[in-house]
Amino acid sequence: MAKINVIVAEITTEGTRHSNSLAVPVGAKSVRVMMPRKDMLDDKIAFACQLFLSLDDGKSWRPWGGAGTVGGVVIDSATGITATESGMEMTLPEPTNSKRRIKTTVSISNEAKIGLDVEFK
């Protein structure tokens, strides 16, 4: 399935941003949340993302995963190549449930240009 942009890449001040909730496609078994690193070259930047999941069309939410990273150059340990994105992948329950939704909360420590994409698998 294609990447979906949930937070548009733009200069953002220090603080927290929230994405709108997004319907999870029926049949999706996991979600990958990714942040492009091309504008995160300042090593004074810290970034954290929290993923929330609803199984009842947004009536209730539960934390479903989180990850964080810092700015600067990050080398992919598997390839030895500079990482172009940071992210996480979480398994999703109930693949036949048509009422699943996700949303994210992103926190950054300094002004930075950030964006956030999700991809269902």
PDB file of N, CA and C in Angstrom:
ATOM      1  N   MET A   1       0.850  -1.180   0.000  1.00  0.00           N
ATOM      2  CA  MET A   1       0.000   0.000   0.000  1.00  0.00           C
ATOM      3  C   MET A   1       0.894   1.240   0.000  1.00  0.00           C
ATOM      4  N   ALA A   2       0.404   2.331  -0.489  1.00  0.00           N
ATOM      5  CA  ALA A   2       1.187   3.555  -0.660  1.00  0.00           C
ATOM      6  C   ALA A   2       1.395   4.312   0.647  1.00  0.00           C
ATOM      7  N   LYS A   3       2.455   5.126   0.658  1.00  0.00           N
ATOM      8  CA  LYS A   3       2.701   6.010   1.796  1.00  0.00           C
ATOM      9  C   LYS A   3       1.625   7.088   1.821  1.00  0.00           C
ATOM     10  N   ILE A   4       1.209   7.451   3.036  1.00  0.00           N
ATOM     11  CA  ILE A   4       0.232   8.520   3.228  1.00  0.00           C
ATOM     12  C   ILE A   4       0.883   9.571   4.113  1.00  0.00           C
ATOM     13  N   ASN A   5       0.890  10.816   3.663  1.00  0.00           N
ATOM     14  CA  ASN A   5       1.465  11.890   4.456  1.00  0.00           C
ATOM     15  C   ASN A   5       0.450  12.313   5.517  1.00  0.00           C
ATOM     16  N   VAL A   6       0.832  12.225   6.804  1.00  0.00           N
ATOM     17  CA  VAL A   6      -0.089  12.605   7.879  1.00  0.00           C
ATOM     18  C   VAL A   6       0.291  13.921   8.538  1.00  0.00           C
ATOM     19  N   ILE A   7       1.558  14.309   8.439  1.00  0.00           N
ATOM     20  CA  ILE A   7       1.993  15.633   8.877  1.00  0.00           C
ATOM     21  C   ILE A   7       2.865  16.193   7.758  1.00  0.00           C
ATOM     22  N   VAL A   8       2.427  17.306   7.159  1.00  0.00           N
ATOM     23  CA  VAL A   8       3.136  17.916   6.042  1.00  0.00           C
ATOM     24  C   VAL A   8       4.476  18.459   6.528  1.00  0.00           C
ATOM     25  N   ALA A   9       5.532  18.206   5.743  1.00  0.00           N
ATOM     26  CA  ALA A   9       6.872  18.691   6.101  1.00  0.00           C
ATOM     27  C   ALA A   9       6.906  20.208   6.011  1.00  0.00           C
ATOM     28  N   GLU A  10       7.164  20.840   7.148  1.00  0.00           N
ATOM     29  CA  GLU A  10       7.268  22.288   7.213  1.00  0.00           C
ATOM     30  C   GLU A  10       8.081  22.663   8.440  1.00  0.00           C
ATOM     31  N   ILE A  11       8.563  23.896   8.463  1.00  0.00           N
ATOM     32  CA  ILE A  11       9.306  24.373   9.626  1.00  0.00           C
ATOM     33  C   ILE A  11       8.341  24.413  10.808  1.00  0.00           C
ATOM     34  N   THR A  12       8.738  23.771  11.888  1.00  0.00           N
ATOM     35  CA  THR A  12       7.896  23.657  13.066  1.00  0.00           C
ATOM     36  C   THR A  12       8.691  24.120  14.286  1.00  0.00           C
ATOM     37  N   THR A  13       8.044  24.863  15.152  1.00  0.00           N
ATOM     38  CA  THR A  13       8.706  25.273  16.377  1.00  0.00           C
ATOM     39  C   THR A  13       8.703  24.125  17.382  1.00  0.00           C
ATOM     40  N   GLU A  14       9.512  24.276  18.413  1.00  0.00           N
ATOM     41  CA  GLU A  14       9.556  23.281  19.478  1.00  0.00           C
ATOM     42  C   GLU A  14       8.146  23.031  20.007  1.00  0.00           C
ATOM     43  N   GLY A  15       7.829  21.776  20.288  1.00  0.00           N
ATOM     44  CA  GLY A  15       6.520  21.462  20.846  1.00  0.00           C
ATOM     45  C   GLY A  15       5.956  20.167  20.314  1.00  0.00           C
ATOM     46  N   THR A  16       4.632  20.053  20.388  1.00  0.00           N
ATOM     47  CA  THR A  16       3.932  18.822  20.040  1.00  0.00           C
ATOM     48  C   THR A  16       2.917  19.094  18.938  1.00  0.00           C
ATOM     49  N   ARG A  17       2.852  18.182  17.980  1.00  0.00           N
ATOM     50  CA  ARG A  17       1.864  18.246  16.896  1.00  0.00           C
ATOM     51  C   ARG A  17       1.088  16.941  16.869  1.00  0.00           C
ATOM     52  N   HIS A  18      -0.167  17.032  16.487  1.00  0.00           N
ATOM     53  CA  HIS A  18      -1.031  15.849  16.416  1.00  0.00           C
ATOM     54  C   HIS A  18      -1.533  15.690  14.991  1.00  0.00           C
ATOM     55  N   SER A  19      -1.598  14.456  14.530  1.00  0.00           N
ATOM     56  CA  SER A  19      -2.184  14.195  13.213  1.00  0.00           C
ATOM     57  C   SER A  19      -3.677  13.943  13.382  1.00  0.00           C
ATOM     58  N   ASN A  20      -4.416  14.101  12.299  1.00  0.00           N
ATOM     59  CA  ASN A  20      -5.803  13.675  12.295  1.00  0.00           C
ATOM     60  C   ASN A  20      -5.829  12.156  12.330  1.00  0.00           C
ATOM     61  N   SER A  21      -6.951  11.596  12.761  1.00  0.00           N
ATOM     62  CA  SER A  21      -7.036  10.137  12.744  1.00  0.00           C
ATOM     63  C   SER A  21      -7.196   9.656  11.303  1.00  0.00           C
ATOM     64  N   LEU A  22      -6.758   8.444  11.078  1.00  0.00           N
ATOM     65  CA  LEU A  22      -6.720   7.873   9.741  1.00  0.00           C
ATOM     66  C   LEU A  22      -7.301   6.466   9.790  1.00  0.00           C
ATOM     67  N   ALA A  23      -8.219   6.152   8.874  1.00  0.00           N
ATOM     68  CA  ALA A  23      -8.796   4.811   8.821  1.00  0.00           C
ATOM     69  C   ALA A  23      -7.733   3.797   8.403  1.00  0.00           C
ATOM     70  N   VAL A  24      -7.725   2.665   9.064  1.00  0.00           N
ATOM     71  CA  VAL A  24      -6.817   1.571   8.715  1.00  0.00           C
ATOM     72  C   VAL A  24      -7.531   0.689   7.693  1.00  0.00           C
ATOM     73  N   PRO A  25      -6.925   0.428   6.551  1.00  0.00           N
ATOM     74  CA  PRO A  25      -7.584  -0.422   5.551  1.00  0.00           C
ATOM     75  C   PRO A  25      -7.848  -1.827   6.089  1.00  0.00           C
ATOM     76  N   VAL A  26      -9.019  -2.354   5.761  1.00  0.00           N
ATOM     77  CA  VAL A  26      -9.327  -3.740   6.126  1.00  0.00           C
ATOM     78  C   VAL A  26      -8.265  -4.631   5.499  1.00  0.00           C
ATOM     79  N   GLY A  27      -7.761  -5.563   6.271  1.00  0.00           N
ATOM     80  CA  GLY A  27      -6.737  -6.482   5.792  1.00  0.00           C
ATOM     81  C   GLY A  27      -5.322  -6.072   6.176  1.00  0.00           C
ATOM     82  N   ALA A  28      -5.118  -4.789   6.548  1.00  0.00           N
ATOM     83  CA  ALA A  28      -3.781  -4.343   6.938  1.00  0.00           C
ATOM     84  C   ALA A  28      -3.374  -5.037   8.240  1.00  0.00           C
ATOM     85  N   LYS A  29      -2.149  -5.558   8.248  1.00  0.00           N
ATOM     86  CA  LYS A  29      -1.652  -6.285   9.416  1.00  0.00           C
ATOM     87  C   LYS A  29      -0.590  -5.512  10.179  1.00  0.00           C
ATOM     88  N   SER A  30      -0.064  -4.432   9.577  1.00  0.00           N
ATOM     89  CA  SER A  30       0.925  -3.605  10.265  1.00  0.00           C
ATOM     90  C   SER A  30       0.888  -2.188   9.708  1.00  0.00           C
ATOM     91  N   VAL A  31       1.480  -1.284  10.462  1.00  0.00           N
ATOM     92  CA  VAL A  31       1.610   0.098  10.020  1.00  0.00           C
ATOM     93  C   VAL A  31       3.055   0.515  10.247  1.00  0.00           C
ATOM     94  N   ARG A  32       3.600   1.194   9.273  1.00  0.00           N
ATOM     95  CA  ARG A  32       4.955   1.719   9.359  1.00  0.00           C
ATOM     96  C   ARG A  32       4.850   3.237   9.405  1.00  0.00           C
ATOM     97  N   VAL A  33       5.467   3.850  10.409  1.00  0.00           N
ATOM     98  CA  VAL A  33       5.456   5.299  10.577  1.00  0.00           C
ATOM     99  C   VAL A  33       6.867   5.788  10.295  1.00  0.00           C
ATOM    100  N   MET A  34       7.014   6.762   9.379  1.00  0.00           N
ATOM    101  CA  MET A  34       8.336   7.192   8.931  1.00  0.00           C
ATOM    102  C   MET A  34       8.468   8.712   8.946  1.00  0.00           C
ATOM    103  N   MET A  35       9.657   9.184   9.334  1.00  0.00           N
ATOM    104  CA  MET A  35       9.979  10.594   9.293  1.00  0.00           C
ATOM    105  C   MET A  35      11.207  10.773   8.413  1.00  0.00           C
ATOM    106  N   PRO A  36      11.077  11.523   7.308  1.00  0.00           N
ATOM    107  CA  PRO A  36      12.260  11.784   6.472  1.00  0.00           C
ATOM    108  C   PRO A  36      13.329  12.514   7.276  1.00  0.00           C
ATOM    109  N   ARG A  37      14.606  12.148   7.083  1.00  0.00           N
ATOM    110  CA  ARG A  37      15.714  12.727   7.847  1.00  0.00           C
ATOM    111  C   ARG A  37      16.439  13.852   7.105  1.00  0.00           C
ATOM    112  N   LYS A  38      16.089  14.122   5.850  1.00  0.00           N
ATOM    113  CA  LYS A  38      16.877  15.049   5.041  1.00  0.00           C
ATOM    114  C   LYS A  38      17.006  16.435   5.647  1.00  0.00           C
ATOM    115  N   ASP A  39      16.047  16.865   6.467  1.00  0.00           N
ATOM    116  CA  ASP A  39      16.111  18.184   7.082  1.00  0.00           C
ATOM    117  C   ASP A  39      16.433  18.115   8.580  1.00  0.00           C
ATOM    118  N   MET A  40      16.849  16.961   9.053  1.00  0.00           N
ATOM    119  CA  MET A  40      17.144  16.769  10.479  1.00  0.00           C
ATOM    120  C   MET A  40      18.655  16.674  10.691  1.00  0.00           C
ATOM    121  N   LEU A  41      19.408  17.593  10.133  1.00  0.00           N
ATOM    122  CA  LEU A  41      20.862  17.519  10.203  1.00  0.00           C
ATOM    123  C   LEU A  41      21.444  18.101  11.494  1.00  0.00           C
ATOM    124  N   ASP A  42      20.666  18.896  12.217  1.00  0.00           N
ATOM    125  CA  ASP A  42      21.129  19.501  13.459  1.00  0.00           C
ATOM    126  C   ASP A  42      21.064  18.470  14.586  1.00  0.00           C
ATOM    127  N   ASP A  43      22.206  18.155  15.195  1.00  0.00           N
ATOM    128  CA  ASP A  43      22.215  17.125  16.242  1.00  0.00           C
ATOM    129  C   ASP A  43      21.647  17.621  17.570  1.00  0.00           C
ATOM    130  N   LYS A  44      21.169  18.862  17.627  1.00  0.00           N
ATOM    131  CA  LYS A  44      20.512  19.374  18.832  1.00  0.00           C
ATOM    132  C   LYS A  44      19.006  19.105  18.817  1.00  0.00           C
ATOM    133  N   ILE A  45      18.525  18.509  17.750  1.00  0.00           N
ATOM    134  CA  ILE A  45      17.093  18.217  17.620  1.00  0.00           C
ATOM    135  C   ILE A  45      16.812  16.809  18.149  1.00  0.00           C
ATOM    136  N   ALA A  46      15.779  16.697  18.969  1.00  0.00           N
ATOM    137  CA  ALA A  46      15.285  15.388  19.402  1.00  0.00           C
ATOM    138  C   ALA A  46      13.830  15.287  18.946  1.00  0.00           C
ATOM    139  N   PHE A  47      13.434  14.108  18.530  1.00  0.00           N
ATOM    140  CA  PHE A  47      12.129  13.875  17.930  1.00  0.00           C
ATOM    141  C   PHE A  47      11.539  12.621  18.556  1.00  0.00           C
ATOM    142  N   ALA A  48      10.265  12.670  18.936  1.00  0.00           N
ATOM    143  CA  ALA A  48       9.586  11.490  19.468  1.00  0.00           C
ATOM    144  C   ALA A  48       8.211  11.379  18.820  1.00  0.00           C
ATOM    145  N   CYS A  49       7.805  10.165  18.521  1.00  0.00           N
ATOM    146  CA  CYS A  49       6.499   9.913  17.909  1.00  0.00           C
ATOM    147  C   CYS A  49       5.771   8.850  18.713  1.00  0.00           C
ATOM    148  N   GLN A  50       4.520   9.115  19.022  1.00  0.00           N
ATOM    149  CA  GLN A  50       3.658   8.152  19.720  1.00  0.00           C
ATOM    150  C   GLN A  50       2.514   7.795  18.776  1.00  0.00           C
ATOM    151  N   LEU A  51       2.244   6.510  18.623  1.00  0.00           N
ATOM    152  CA  LEU A  51       1.153   6.016  17.782  1.00  0.00           C
ATOM    153  C   LEU A  51       0.008   5.574  18.686  1.00  0.00           C
ATOM    154  N   PHE A  52      -1.213   5.936  18.302  1.00  0.00           N
ATOM    155  CA  PHE A  52      -2.411   5.539  19.045  1.00  0.00           C
ATOM    156  C   PHE A  52      -3.324   4.744  18.118  1.00  0.00           C
ATOM    157  N   LEU A  53      -4.026   3.764  18.678  1.00  0.00           N
ATOM    158  CA  LEU A  53      -4.896   2.873  17.907  1.00  0.00           C
ATOM    159  C   LEU A  53      -6.289   2.873  18.505  1.00  0.00           C
ATOM    160  N   SER A  54      -7.290   2.920  17.635  1.00  0.00           N
ATOM    161  CA  SER A  54      -8.689   2.758  18.026  1.00  0.00           C
ATOM    162  C   SER A  54      -9.251   1.561  17.274  1.00  0.00           C
ATOM    163  N   LEU A  55     -10.017   0.745  17.967  1.00  0.00           N
ATOM    164  CA  LEU A  55     -10.684  -0.398  17.332  1.00  0.00           C
ATOM    165  C   LEU A  55     -12.178  -0.163  17.184  1.00  0.00           C
ATOM    166  N   ASP A  56     -12.646   1.035  17.610  1.00  0.00           N
ATOM    167  CA  ASP A  56     -14.083   1.328  17.619  1.00  0.00           C
ATOM    168  C   ASP A  56     -14.400   2.652  16.927  1.00  0.00           C
ATOM    169  N   ASP A  57     -13.736   2.918  15.831  1.00  0.00           N
ATOM    170  CA  ASP A  57     -13.979   4.097  14.998  1.00  0.00           C
ATOM    171  C   ASP A  57     -13.716   5.412  15.732  1.00  0.00           C
ATOM    172  N   GLY A  58     -12.709   5.407  16.615  1.00  0.00           N
ATOM    173  CA  GLY A  58     -12.297   6.627  17.278  1.00  0.00           C
ATOM    174  C   GLY A  58     -13.003   6.956  18.577  1.00  0.00           C
ATOM    175  N   LYS A  59     -13.836   6.055  19.065  1.00  0.00           N
ATOM    176  CA  LYS A  59     -14.522   6.317  20.344  1.00  0.00           C
ATOM    177  C   LYS A  59     -13.559   6.200  21.515  1.00  0.00           C
ATOM    178  N   SER A  60     -12.621   5.279  21.432  1.00  0.00           N
ATOM    179  CA  SER A  60     -11.603   5.134  22.477  1.00  0.00           C
ATOM    180  C   SER A  60     -10.251   4.896  21.806  1.00  0.00           C
ATOM    181  N   TRP A  61      -9.198   5.340  22.477  1.00  0.00           N
ATOM    182  CA  TRP A  61      -7.839   5.254  21.936  1.00  0.00           C
ATOM    183  C   TRP A  61      -6.918   4.610  22.949  1.00  0.00           C
ATOM    184  N   ARG A  62      -5.941   3.857  22.459  1.00  0.00           N
ATOM    185  CA  ARG A  62      -4.918   3.300  23.334  1.00  0.00           C
ATOM    186  C   ARG A  62      -3.545   3.531  22.703  1.00  0.00           C
ATOM    187  N   PRO A  63      -2.526   3.764  23.553  1.00  0.00           N
ATOM    188  CA  PRO A  63      -1.174   3.877  23.012  1.00  0.00           C
ATOM    189  C   PRO A  63      -0.795   2.565  22.335  1.00  0.00           C
ATOM    190  N   TRP A  64      -0.149   2.649  21.157  1.00  0.00           N
ATOM    191  CA  TRP A  64       0.162   1.431  20.413  1.00  0.00           C
ATOM    192  C   TRP A  64       1.627   1.333  20.003  1.00  0.00           C
ATOM    193  N   GLY A  65       2.430   2.269  20.398  1.00  0.00           N
ATOM    194  CA  GLY A  65       3.848   2.196  20.081  1.00  0.00           C
ATOM    195  C   GLY A  65       4.451   3.577  20.044  1.00  0.00           C
ATOM    196  N   GLY A  66       5.748   3.618  20.088  1.00  0.00           N
ATOM    197  CA  GLY A  66       6.428   4.892  20.042  1.00  0.00           C
ATOM    198  C   GLY A  66       7.891   4.704  19.695  1.00  0.00           C
ATOM    199  N   ALA A  67       8.491   5.777  19.239  1.00  0.00           N
ATOM    200  CA  ALA A  67       9.908   5.744  18.884  1.00  0.00           C
ATOM    201  C   ALA A  67      10.447   7.165  18.948  1.00  0.00           C
ATOM    202  N   GLY A  68      11.744   7.258  19.036  1.00  0.00           N
ATOM    203  CA  GLY A  68      12.380   8.563  19.052  1.00  0.00           C
ATOM    204  C   GLY A  68      13.723   8.512  18.353  1.00  0.00           C
ATOM    205  N   THR A  69      14.223   9.667  18.010  1.00  0.00           N
ATOM    206  CA  THR A  69      15.524   9.769  17.361  1.00  0.00           C
ATOM    207  C   THR A  69      16.076  11.164  17.603  1.00  0.00           C
ATOM    208  N   VAL A  70      17.305  11.362  17.240  1.00  0.00           N
ATOM    209  CA  VAL A  70      17.932  12.682  17.325  1.00  0.00           C
ATOM    210  C   VAL A  70      18.337  13.105  15.918  1.00  0.00           C
ATOM    211  N   GLY A  71      18.582  14.402  15.762  1.00  0.00           N
ATOM    212  CA  GLY A  71      19.046  14.910  14.487  1.00  0.00           C
ATOM    213  C   GLY A  71      20.495  14.526  14.239  1.00  0.00           C
ATOM    214  N   GLY A  72      21.000  14.943  13.116  1.00  0.00           N
ATOM    215  CA  GLY A  72      22.362  14.597  12.737  1.00  0.00           C
ATOM    216  C   GLY A  72      22.371  13.416  11.790  1.00  0.00           C
ATOM    217  N   VAL A  73      23.537  13.043  11.357  1.00  0.00           N
ATOM    218  CA  VAL A  73      23.684  11.924  10.426  1.00  0.00           C
ATOM    219  C   VAL A  73      23.548  10.616  11.204  1.00  0.00           C
ATOM    220  N   VAL A  74      22.700   9.739  10.709  1.00  0.00           N
ATOM    221  CA  VAL A  74      22.505   8.411  11.305  1.00  0.00           C
ATOM    222  C   VAL A  74      22.884   7.378  10.253  1.00  0.00           C
ATOM    223  N   ILE A  75      23.716   6.444  10.632  1.00  0.00           N
ATOM    224  CA  ILE A  75      24.141   5.376   9.718  1.00  0.00           C
ATOM    225  C   ILE A  75      23.290   4.140   9.968  1.00  0.00           C
ATOM    226  N   ASP A  76      22.708   3.592   8.913  1.00  0.00           N
ATOM    227  CA  ASP A  76      21.927   2.362   8.998  1.00  0.00           C
ATOM    228  C   ASP A  76      22.877   1.220   9.333  1.00  0.00           C
ATOM    229  N   SER A  77      22.663   0.573  10.473  1.00  0.00           N
ATOM    230  CA  SER A  77      23.584  -0.481  10.918  1.00  0.00           C
ATOM    231  C   SER A  77      23.580  -1.697   9.993  1.00  0.00           C
ATOM    232  N   ALA A  78      22.477  -1.917   9.290  1.00  0.00           N
ATOM    233  CA  ALA A  78      22.400  -3.079   8.401  1.00  0.00           C
ATOM    234  C   ALA A  78      23.147  -2.859   7.085  1.00  0.00           C
ATOM    235  N   THR A  79      23.152  -1.607   6.593  1.00  0.00           N
ATOM    236  CA  THR A  79      23.733  -1.350   5.274  1.00  0.00           C
ATOM    237  C   THR A  79      25.011  -0.516   5.315  1.00  0.00           C
ATOM    238  N   GLY A  80      25.214   0.230   6.414  1.00  0.00           N
ATOM    239  CA  GLY A  80      26.353   1.132   6.494  1.00  0.00           C
ATOM    240  C   GLY A  80      26.139   2.427   5.724  1.00  0.00           C
ATOM    241  N   ILE A  81      24.943   2.633   5.208  1.00  0.00           N
ATOM    242  CA  ILE A  81      24.595   3.811   4.414  1.00  0.00           C
ATOM    243  C   ILE A  81      23.869   4.817   5.307  1.00  0.00           C
ATOM    244  N   THR A  82      24.029   6.099   5.012  1.00  0.00           N
ATOM    245  CA  THR A  82      23.320   7.136   5.761  1.00  0.00           C
ATOM    246  C   THR A  82      21.819   6.916   5.654  1.00  0.00           C
ATOM    247  N   ALA A  83      21.145   6.900   6.808  1.00  0.00           N
ATOM    248  CA  ALA A  83      19.693   6.689   6.845  1.00  0.00           C
ATOM    249  C   ALA A  83      18.963   7.895   6.266  1.00  0.00           C
ATOM    250  N   THR A  84      17.965   7.646   5.438  1.00  0.00           N
ATOM    251  CA  THR A  84      17.173   8.719   4.841  1.00  0.00           C
ATOM    252  C   THR A  84      15.867   8.949   5.588  1.00  0.00           C
ATOM    253  N   GLU A  85      15.511   8.034   6.492  1.00  0.00           N
ATOM    254  CA  GLU A  85      14.310   8.193   7.301  1.00  0.00           C
ATOM    255  C   GLU A  85      14.484   7.426   8.609  1.00  0.00           C
ATOM    256  N   SER A  86      13.721   7.847   9.595  1.00  0.00           N
ATOM    257  CA  SER A  86      13.647   7.121  10.862  1.00  0.00           C
ATOM    258  C   SER A  86      12.204   6.710  11.043  1.00  0.00           C
ATOM    259  N   GLY A  87      11.979   5.583  11.691  1.00  0.00           N
ATOM    260  CA  GLY A  87      10.599   5.153  11.856  1.00  0.00           C
ATOM    261  C   GLY A  87      10.449   3.923  12.707  1.00  0.00           C
ATOM    262  N   MET A  88       9.230   3.424  12.703  1.00  0.00           N
ATOM    263  CA  MET A  88       8.878   2.229  13.460  1.00  0.00           C
ATOM    264  C   MET A  88       7.797   1.483  12.695  1.00  0.00           C
ATOM    265  N   GLU A  89       7.703   0.203  12.960  1.00  0.00           N
ATOM    266  CA  GLU A  89       6.634  -0.611  12.374  1.00  0.00           C
ATOM    267  C   GLU A  89       5.947  -1.370  13.494  1.00  0.00           C
ATOM    268  N   MET A  90       4.622  -1.280  13.530  1.00  0.00           N
ATOM    269  CA  MET A  90       3.845  -1.919  14.581  1.00  0.00           C
ATOM    270  C   MET A  90       2.825  -2.878  13.961  1.00  0.00           C
ATOM    271  N   THR A  91       2.676  -4.039  14.580  1.00  0.00           N
ATOM    272  CA  THR A  91       1.648  -4.997  14.172  1.00  0.00           C
ATOM    273  C   THR A  91       0.283  -4.456  14.582  1.00  0.00           C
ATOM    274  N   LEU A  92      -0.710  -4.656  13.734  1.00  0.00           N
ATOM    275  CA  LEU A  92      -2.073  -4.210  14.022  1.00  0.00           C
ATOM    276  C   LEU A  92      -2.979  -5.412  14.281  1.00  0.00           C
ATOM    277  N   PRO A  93      -3.831  -5.359  15.306  1.00  0.00           N
ATOM    278  CA  PRO A  93      -4.758  -6.458  15.582  1.00  0.00           C
ATOM    279  C   PRO A  93      -5.995  -6.384  14.681  1.00  0.00           C
ATOM    280  N   GLU A  94      -6.739  -7.452  14.666  1.00  0.00           N
ATOM    281  CA  GLU A  94      -8.059  -7.516  14.029  1.00  0.00           C
ATOM    282  C   GLU A  94      -8.085  -7.049  12.569  1.00  0.00           C
ATOM    283  N   PRO A  95      -7.373  -7.741  11.679  1.00  0.00           N
ATOM    284  CA  PRO A  95      -7.308  -7.305  10.277  1.00  0.00           C
ATOM    285  C   PRO A  95      -8.665  -7.157   9.578  1.00  0.00           C
ATOM    286  N   THR A  96      -9.712  -7.840  10.071  1.00  0.00           N
ATOM    287  CA  THR A  96     -11.027  -7.735   9.419  1.00  0.00           C
ATOM    288  C   THR A  96     -11.896  -6.625  10.011  1.00  0.00           C
ATOM    289  N   ASN A  97     -11.415  -5.929  11.029  1.00  0.00           N
ATOM    290  CA  ASN A  97     -12.180  -4.868  11.690  1.00  0.00           C
ATOM    291  C   ASN A  97     -12.155  -3.595  10.835  1.00  0.00           C
ATOM    292  N   SER A  98     -13.310  -3.176  10.356  1.00  0.00           N
ATOM    293  CA  SER A  98     -13.399  -1.976   9.510  1.00  0.00           C
ATOM    294  C   SER A  98     -13.451  -0.685  10.324  1.00  0.00           C
ATOM    295  N   LYS A  99     -13.426  -0.784  11.649  1.00  0.00           N
ATOM    296  CA  LYS A  99     -13.515   0.400  12.505  1.00  0.00           C
ATOM    297  C   LYS A  99     -12.168   0.798  13.116  1.00  0.00           C
ATOM    298  N   ARG A 100     -11.084   0.225  12.618  1.00  0.00           N
ATOM    299  CA  ARG A 100      -9.761   0.572  13.146  1.00  0.00           C
ATOM    300  C   ARG A 100      -9.328   1.937  12.626  1.00  0.00           C
ATOM    301  N   ARG A 101      -8.681   2.711  13.509  1.00  0.00           N
ATOM    302  CA  ARG A 101      -8.133   4.018  13.149  1.00  0.00           C
ATOM    303  C   ARG A 101      -6.816   4.196  13.887  1.00  0.00           C
ATOM    304  N   ILE A 102      -5.929   5.016  13.322  1.00  0.00           N
ATOM    305  CA  ILE A 102      -4.695   5.388  14.017  1.00  0.00           C
ATOM    306  C   ILE A 102      -4.581   6.903  14.030  1.00  0.00           C
ATOM    307  N   LYS A 103      -3.772   7.412  14.955  1.00  0.00           N
ATOM    308  CA  LYS A 103      -3.381   8.823  14.964  1.00  0.00           C
ATOM    309  C   LYS A 103      -2.019   8.895  15.629  1.00  0.00           C
ATOM    310  N   THR A 104      -1.327  10.014  15.433  1.00  0.00           N
ATOM    311  CA  THR A 104       0.021  10.167  15.979  1.00  0.00           C
ATOM    312  C   THR A 104       0.148  11.476  16.745  1.00  0.00           C
ATOM    313  N   THR A 105       1.086  11.476  17.669  1.00  0.00           N
ATOM    314  CA  THR A 105       1.522  12.680  18.359  1.00  0.00           C
ATOM    315  C   THR A 105       3.027  12.771  18.170  1.00  0.00           C
ATOM    316  N   VAL A 106       3.504  13.923  17.724  1.00  0.00           N
ATOM    317  CA  VAL A 106       4.920  14.122  17.459  1.00  0.00           C
ATOM    318  C   VAL A 106       5.427  15.266  18.330  1.00  0.00           C
ATOM    319  N   SER A 107       6.550  15.048  18.998  1.00  0.00           N
ATOM    320  CA  SER A 107       7.177  16.095  19.818  1.00  0.00           C
ATOM    321  C   SER A 107       8.583  16.343  19.300  1.00  0.00           C
ATOM    322  N   ILE A 108       8.953  17.630  19.215  1.00  0.00           N
ATOM    323  CA  ILE A 108      10.324  17.979  18.816  1.00  0.00           C
ATOM    324  C   ILE A 108      10.903  18.963  19.824  1.00  0.00           C
ATOM    325  N   SER A 109      12.221  18.919  19.977  1.00  0.00           N
ATOM    326  CA  SER A 109      12.891  19.706  21.010  1.00  0.00           C
ATOM    327  C   SER A 109      13.319  21.099  20.559  1.00  0.00           C
ATOM    328  N   ASN A 110      13.453  21.318  19.278  1.00  0.00           N
ATOM    329  CA  ASN A 110      13.881  22.609  18.727  1.00  0.00           C
ATOM    330  C   ASN A 110      13.166  22.848  17.409  1.00  0.00           C
ATOM    331  N   GLU A 111      13.269  24.067  16.901  1.00  0.00           N
ATOM    332  CA  GLU A 111      12.692  24.352  15.596  1.00  0.00           C
ATOM    333  C   GLU A 111      13.337  23.445  14.556  1.00  0.00           C
ATOM    334  N   ALA A 112      12.518  22.845  13.720  1.00  0.00           N
ATOM    335  CA  ALA A 112      13.021  21.938  12.692  1.00  0.00           C
ATOM    336  C   ALA A 112      11.973  21.782  11.607  1.00  0.00           C
ATOM    337  N   LYS A 113      12.419  21.291  10.460  1.00  0.00           N
ATOM    338  CA  LYS A 113      11.487  20.943   9.393  1.00  0.00           C
ATOM    339  C   LYS A 113      11.234  19.451   9.514  1.00  0.00           C
ATOM    340  N   ILE A 114      10.004  19.096   9.848  1.00  0.00           N
ATOM    341  CA  ILE A 114       9.661  17.678   9.996  1.00  0.00           C
ATOM    342  C   ILE A 114       8.402  17.362   9.218  1.00  0.00           C
ATOM    343  N   GLY A 115       8.240  16.117   8.878  1.00  0.00           N
ATOM    344  CA  GLY A 115       7.043  15.594   8.258  1.00  0.00           C
ATOM    345  C   GLY A 115       6.871  14.158   8.742  1.00  0.00           C
ATOM    346  N   LEU A 116       5.723  13.583   8.507  1.00  0.00           N
ATOM    347  CA  LEU A 116       5.480  12.216   8.957  1.00  0.00           C
ATOM    348  C   LEU A 116       4.592  11.506   7.943  1.00  0.00           C
ATOM    349  N   ASP A 117       5.008  10.293   7.572  1.00  0.00           N
ATOM    350  CA  ASP A 117       4.252   9.459   6.642  1.00  0.00           C
ATOM    351  C   ASP A 117       3.909   8.145   7.314  1.00  0.00           C
ATOM    352  N   VAL A 118       2.801   7.532   6.885  1.00  0.00           N
ATOM    353  CA  VAL A 118       2.466   6.185   7.331  1.00  0.00           C
ATOM    354  C   VAL A 118       2.260   5.298   6.115  1.00  0.00           C
ATOM    355  N   GLU A 119       2.472   4.019   6.304  1.00  0.00           N
ATOM    356  CA  GLU A 119       2.242   3.037   5.253  1.00  0.00           C
ATOM    357  C   GLU A 119       1.671   1.786   5.906  1.00  0.00           C
ATOM    358  N   PHE A 120       0.530   1.337   5.389  1.00  0.00           N
ATOM    359  CA  PHE A 120      -0.086   0.113   5.895  1.00  0.00           C
ATOM    360  C   PHE A 120       0.376  -1.064   5.074  1.00  0.00           C
ATOM    361  N   LYS A 121       0.565  -2.206   5.730  1.00  0.00           N
ATOM    362  CA  LYS A 121       0.975  -3.424   5.038  1.00  0.00           C
ATOM    363  C   LYS A 121       0.036  -4.557   5.399  1.00  0.00           C
TER     364      LYS A 121
END
